[in-house]
C-alpha cells in the first residue's frame, strides 16, 4: 500500500463522516426551522461540498428567446434536411 492510497482512504473517510454529520445537521435545522422558510439540505452544512447555485444560468426573456429558437430550429431543420436527402 502506498502513501497515495492511504491519503485517498483518509480523504474518503473524512468525506463520509461529513456526509453523516451534514445530514444530521440538516435534519435538526429542518425540525427547528420556521415553516415559512425553505428547507435545508445536507450540502448547506457540508464544508467539503460546493453550495448549489440555483441562480446560475441565463434567464430566458422575451429579448433573448429568439436566440434559443434559432439554435433549436437550425438543429431540427438540419436533421430534417439530412433525413430527407438520405
N, C-alpha and C. Protein backbone atom coordinates (compact mmCIF):
# COMPACT_ATOMS: atom_id res chain seq x y z
N UNK A 1 0.85 -1.17 0.00
CA UNK A 1 0.00 0.00 0.00
C UNK A 1 0.90 1.24 0.00
N UNK A 2 0.55 2.18 -0.86
CA UNK A 2 1.37 3.38 -0.99
C UNK A 2 0.81 4.51 -0.14
N UNK A 3 1.60 5.54 -0.03
CA UNK A 3 1.16 6.73 0.71
C UNK A 3 -0.03 7.38 0.00
N UNK A 4 -0.05 7.33 -1.31
CA UNK A 4 -1.16 7.89 -2.08
C UNK A 4 -2.46 7.13 -1.75
N UNK A 5 -2.37 5.82 -1.64
CA UNK A 5 -3.54 5.02 -1.28
C UNK A 5 -4.05 5.39 0.11
N UNK A 6 -3.14 5.54 1.05
CA UNK A 6 -3.53 5.91 2.41
C UNK A 6 -4.17 7.29 2.46
N UNK A 7 -3.59 8.22 1.70
CA UNK A 7 -4.15 9.57 1.67
C UNK A 7 -5.55 9.56 1.06
N UNK A 8 -5.75 8.78 0.00
CA UNK A 8 -7.07 8.68 -0.61
C UNK A 8 -8.08 8.07 0.33
N UNK A 9 -7.66 7.04 1.08
CA UNK A 9 -8.56 6.42 2.05
C UNK A 9 -8.92 7.39 3.17
N UNK A 10 -7.95 8.17 3.62
CA UNK A 10 -8.21 9.15 4.68
C UNK A 10 -9.18 10.23 4.21
N UNK A 11 -8.99 10.70 2.98
CA UNK A 11 -9.90 11.71 2.43
C UNK A 11 -11.32 11.16 2.29
N UNK A 12 -11.41 9.92 1.85
CA UNK A 12 -12.73 9.30 1.69
C UNK A 12 -13.43 9.16 3.04
N UNK A 13 -12.67 8.82 4.06
CA UNK A 13 -13.28 8.68 5.39
C UNK A 13 -13.76 10.03 5.92
N UNK A 14 -12.97 11.06 5.75
CA UNK A 14 -13.37 12.39 6.20
C UNK A 14 -14.64 12.82 5.45
N UNK A 15 -14.68 12.57 4.15
CA UNK A 15 -15.85 12.92 3.36
C UNK A 15 -17.08 12.16 3.83
N UNK A 16 -16.92 10.87 4.11
CA UNK A 16 -18.04 10.05 4.59
C UNK A 16 -18.52 10.54 5.95
N UNK A 17 -17.60 10.91 6.81
CA UNK A 17 -18.00 11.42 8.12
C UNK A 17 -18.75 12.74 8.00
N UNK A 18 -18.32 13.61 7.08
CA UNK A 18 -19.02 14.87 6.88
C UNK A 18 -20.38 14.65 6.23
N UNK A 19 -20.50 13.63 5.38
CA UNK A 19 -21.82 13.31 4.82
C UNK A 19 -22.80 12.98 5.94
N UNK A 20 -22.35 12.18 6.88
CA UNK A 20 -23.18 11.79 8.02
C UNK A 20 -23.52 13.01 8.89
N UNK A 21 -22.52 13.78 9.23
CA UNK A 21 -22.71 14.94 10.10
C UNK A 21 -23.61 15.98 9.45
N UNK A 22 -23.40 16.24 8.17
CA UNK A 22 -24.21 17.26 7.50
C UNK A 22 -25.66 16.81 7.36
N UNK A 23 -25.89 15.50 7.19
CA UNK A 23 -27.26 15.00 7.12
C UNK A 23 -27.97 15.21 8.46
N UNK A 24 -27.27 14.95 9.56
CA UNK A 24 -27.86 15.15 10.88
C UNK A 24 -28.12 16.64 11.14
N UNK A 25 -27.17 17.48 10.76
CA UNK A 25 -27.36 18.92 10.96
C UNK A 25 -28.53 19.45 10.14
N UNK A 26 -28.68 18.97 8.90
CA UNK A 26 -29.80 19.41 8.08
C UNK A 26 -31.12 18.96 8.68
N UNK A 27 -31.15 17.74 9.21
CA UNK A 27 -32.37 17.24 9.84
C UNK A 27 -32.73 18.09 11.07
N UNK A 28 -31.75 18.40 11.90
CA UNK A 28 -32.00 19.22 13.09
C UNK A 28 -32.46 20.62 12.70
N UNK A 29 -31.85 21.17 11.69
CA UNK A 29 -32.23 22.51 11.25
C UNK A 29 -33.65 22.51 10.68
N UNK A 30 -34.01 21.46 9.94
CA UNK A 30 -35.35 21.39 9.36
C UNK A 30 -36.42 21.17 10.42
N UNK A 31 -36.09 20.43 11.47
CA UNK A 31 -37.05 20.20 12.55
C UNK A 31 -37.33 21.51 13.28
N UNK A 32 -36.33 22.36 13.42
CA UNK A 32 -36.46 23.58 14.19
C UNK A 32 -36.66 24.84 13.36
N UNK A 33 -36.83 24.71 12.05
CA UNK A 33 -36.96 25.90 11.21
C UNK A 33 -38.40 26.41 11.20
N UNK A 34 -38.53 27.63 10.77
CA UNK A 34 -39.85 28.23 10.59
C UNK A 34 -40.48 27.61 9.34
N UNK A 35 -41.71 27.15 9.42
CA UNK A 35 -42.33 26.51 8.25
C UNK A 35 -42.44 27.41 7.03
N UNK A 36 -42.34 28.70 7.23
CA UNK A 36 -42.43 29.64 6.10
C UNK A 36 -41.15 29.69 5.29
N UNK A 37 -40.06 29.26 5.86
CA UNK A 37 -38.78 29.31 5.16
C UNK A 37 -38.52 28.00 4.43
N UNK A 38 -37.62 28.07 3.44
CA UNK A 38 -37.31 26.87 2.67
C UNK A 38 -36.49 25.89 3.51
N UNK A 39 -36.52 24.65 3.09
CA UNK A 39 -35.84 23.61 3.87
C UNK A 39 -34.33 23.64 3.65
N UNK A 40 -33.62 23.06 4.58
CA UNK A 40 -32.17 22.95 4.50
C UNK A 40 -31.81 21.61 3.86
N UNK A 41 -30.66 21.58 3.21
CA UNK A 41 -30.15 20.36 2.58
C UNK A 41 -28.79 20.04 3.21
N UNK A 42 -28.39 18.79 3.20
CA UNK A 42 -27.08 18.45 3.77
C UNK A 42 -25.92 19.24 3.15
N UNK A 43 -26.06 19.61 1.88
CA UNK A 43 -24.99 20.38 1.24
C UNK A 43 -24.81 21.75 1.88
N UNK A 44 -25.84 22.25 2.52
CA UNK A 44 -25.75 23.55 3.19
C UNK A 44 -24.79 23.51 4.38
N UNK A 45 -24.55 22.33 4.94
CA UNK A 45 -23.70 22.19 6.13
C UNK A 45 -22.40 21.44 5.86
N UNK A 46 -22.21 20.98 4.65
CA UNK A 46 -21.04 20.16 4.31
C UNK A 46 -19.91 21.08 3.86
N UNK A 47 -18.82 21.16 4.62
CA UNK A 47 -17.75 22.10 4.27
C UNK A 47 -16.93 21.66 3.05
N UNK A 48 -17.01 20.41 2.66
CA UNK A 48 -16.22 19.94 1.53
C UNK A 48 -16.99 19.96 0.21
N UNK A 49 -18.25 20.31 0.26
CA UNK A 49 -19.07 20.37 -0.95
C UNK A 49 -19.33 21.82 -1.32
N UNK A 50 -19.39 22.06 -2.61
CA UNK A 50 -19.74 23.41 -3.05
C UNK A 50 -21.24 23.59 -2.90
N UNK A 51 -21.62 24.78 -2.58
CA UNK A 51 -23.04 25.07 -2.44
C UNK A 51 -23.68 25.09 -3.81
N UNK A 52 -24.91 24.62 -3.86
CA UNK A 52 -25.65 24.65 -5.11
C UNK A 52 -26.05 26.09 -5.41
N UNK A 53 -25.73 26.51 -6.60
CA UNK A 53 -26.10 27.85 -7.01
C UNK A 53 -27.33 27.74 -7.90
N UNK A 54 -28.48 27.97 -7.32
CA UNK A 54 -29.71 27.79 -8.06
C UNK A 54 -29.98 28.94 -9.02
N UNK A 55 -29.26 30.03 -8.87
CA UNK A 55 -29.49 31.17 -9.76
C UNK A 55 -28.50 31.17 -10.93
N UNK A 56 -27.73 30.12 -11.09
CA UNK A 56 -26.77 30.06 -12.19
C UNK A 56 -27.51 29.89 -13.51
N UNK A 57 -26.96 30.45 -14.54
CA UNK A 57 -27.57 30.32 -15.85
C UNK A 57 -28.09 31.65 -16.35
N UNK A 58 -28.61 31.63 -17.54
CA UNK A 58 -29.15 32.83 -18.16
C UNK A 58 -30.67 32.74 -18.15
N UNK A 59 -31.32 33.71 -17.56
CA UNK A 59 -32.79 33.66 -17.57
C UNK A 59 -33.31 33.91 -18.99
N UNK A 60 -34.34 33.18 -19.37
CA UNK A 60 -34.94 33.34 -20.69
C UNK A 60 -35.97 34.45 -20.62
N UNK A 61 -35.79 35.45 -21.48
CA UNK A 61 -36.70 36.59 -21.53
C UNK A 61 -37.21 36.76 -22.96
N UNK A 62 -38.08 37.71 -23.14
CA UNK A 62 -38.58 37.99 -24.49
C UNK A 62 -37.47 38.48 -25.40
N UNK A 63 -36.48 39.14 -24.82
CA UNK A 63 -35.39 39.68 -25.63
C UNK A 63 -34.46 38.59 -26.16
N UNK A 64 -34.23 37.54 -25.37
CA UNK A 64 -33.26 36.53 -25.80
C UNK A 64 -33.89 35.20 -26.23
N UNK A 65 -35.20 35.08 -26.24
CA UNK A 65 -35.83 33.83 -26.65
C UNK A 65 -35.58 33.55 -28.13
N UNK A 66 -35.41 34.60 -28.91
CA UNK A 66 -35.12 34.43 -30.34
C UNK A 66 -33.83 33.67 -30.57
N UNK A 67 -32.82 33.91 -29.75
CA UNK A 67 -31.56 33.19 -29.88
C UNK A 67 -31.75 31.71 -29.64
N UNK A 68 -32.55 31.37 -28.66
CA UNK A 68 -32.83 29.97 -28.36
C UNK A 68 -33.57 29.31 -29.52
N UNK A 69 -34.53 30.03 -30.09
CA UNK A 69 -35.27 29.49 -31.22
C UNK A 69 -34.37 29.26 -32.43
N UNK A 70 -33.42 30.15 -32.66
CA UNK A 70 -32.50 29.99 -33.79
C UNK A 70 -31.67 28.73 -33.62
N UNK A 71 -31.13 28.52 -32.44
CA UNK A 71 -30.30 27.34 -32.22
C UNK A 71 -31.12 26.06 -32.29
N UNK A 72 -32.28 26.06 -31.72
CA UNK A 72 -33.11 24.84 -31.73
C UNK A 72 -33.65 24.55 -33.11
N UNK A 73 -34.14 25.55 -33.78
CA UNK A 73 -34.75 25.30 -35.08
C UNK A 73 -33.71 24.95 -36.13
N UNK A 74 -32.51 25.51 -36.04
CA UNK A 74 -31.48 25.17 -37.03
C UNK A 74 -31.04 23.72 -36.87
N UNK A 75 -30.97 23.24 -35.66
CA UNK A 75 -30.60 21.84 -35.45
C UNK A 75 -31.67 20.90 -35.96
N UNK A 76 -32.92 21.24 -35.71
CA UNK A 76 -34.03 20.40 -36.16
C UNK A 76 -34.13 20.44 -37.68
N UNK A 77 -33.98 21.63 -38.25
CA UNK A 77 -34.07 21.77 -39.70
C UNK A 77 -32.93 21.03 -40.39
N UNK A 78 -31.74 21.11 -39.83
CA UNK A 78 -30.59 20.43 -40.43
C UNK A 78 -30.79 18.92 -40.40
N UNK A 79 -31.30 18.40 -39.29
CA UNK A 79 -31.55 16.97 -39.21
C UNK A 79 -32.64 16.54 -40.20
N UNK A 80 -33.68 17.35 -40.31
CA UNK A 80 -34.75 17.03 -41.23
C UNK A 80 -34.26 17.02 -42.68
N UNK A 81 -33.38 17.98 -43.01
CA UNK A 81 -32.81 18.00 -44.36
C UNK A 81 -31.95 16.79 -44.63
N UNK A 82 -31.16 16.37 -43.66
CA UNK A 82 -30.31 15.18 -43.82
C UNK A 82 -31.16 13.94 -44.03
N UNK A 83 -32.22 13.83 -43.24
CA UNK A 83 -33.08 12.66 -43.37
C UNK A 83 -33.81 12.67 -44.72
N UNK A 84 -34.22 13.84 -45.17
CA UNK A 84 -34.94 13.96 -46.43
C UNK A 84 -34.01 13.65 -47.61
N UNK A 85 -32.77 14.14 -47.53
CA UNK A 85 -31.82 13.93 -48.63
C UNK A 85 -31.27 12.52 -48.66
N UNK A 86 -31.31 11.83 -47.56
CA UNK A 86 -30.73 10.48 -47.49
C UNK A 86 -31.59 9.42 -48.14
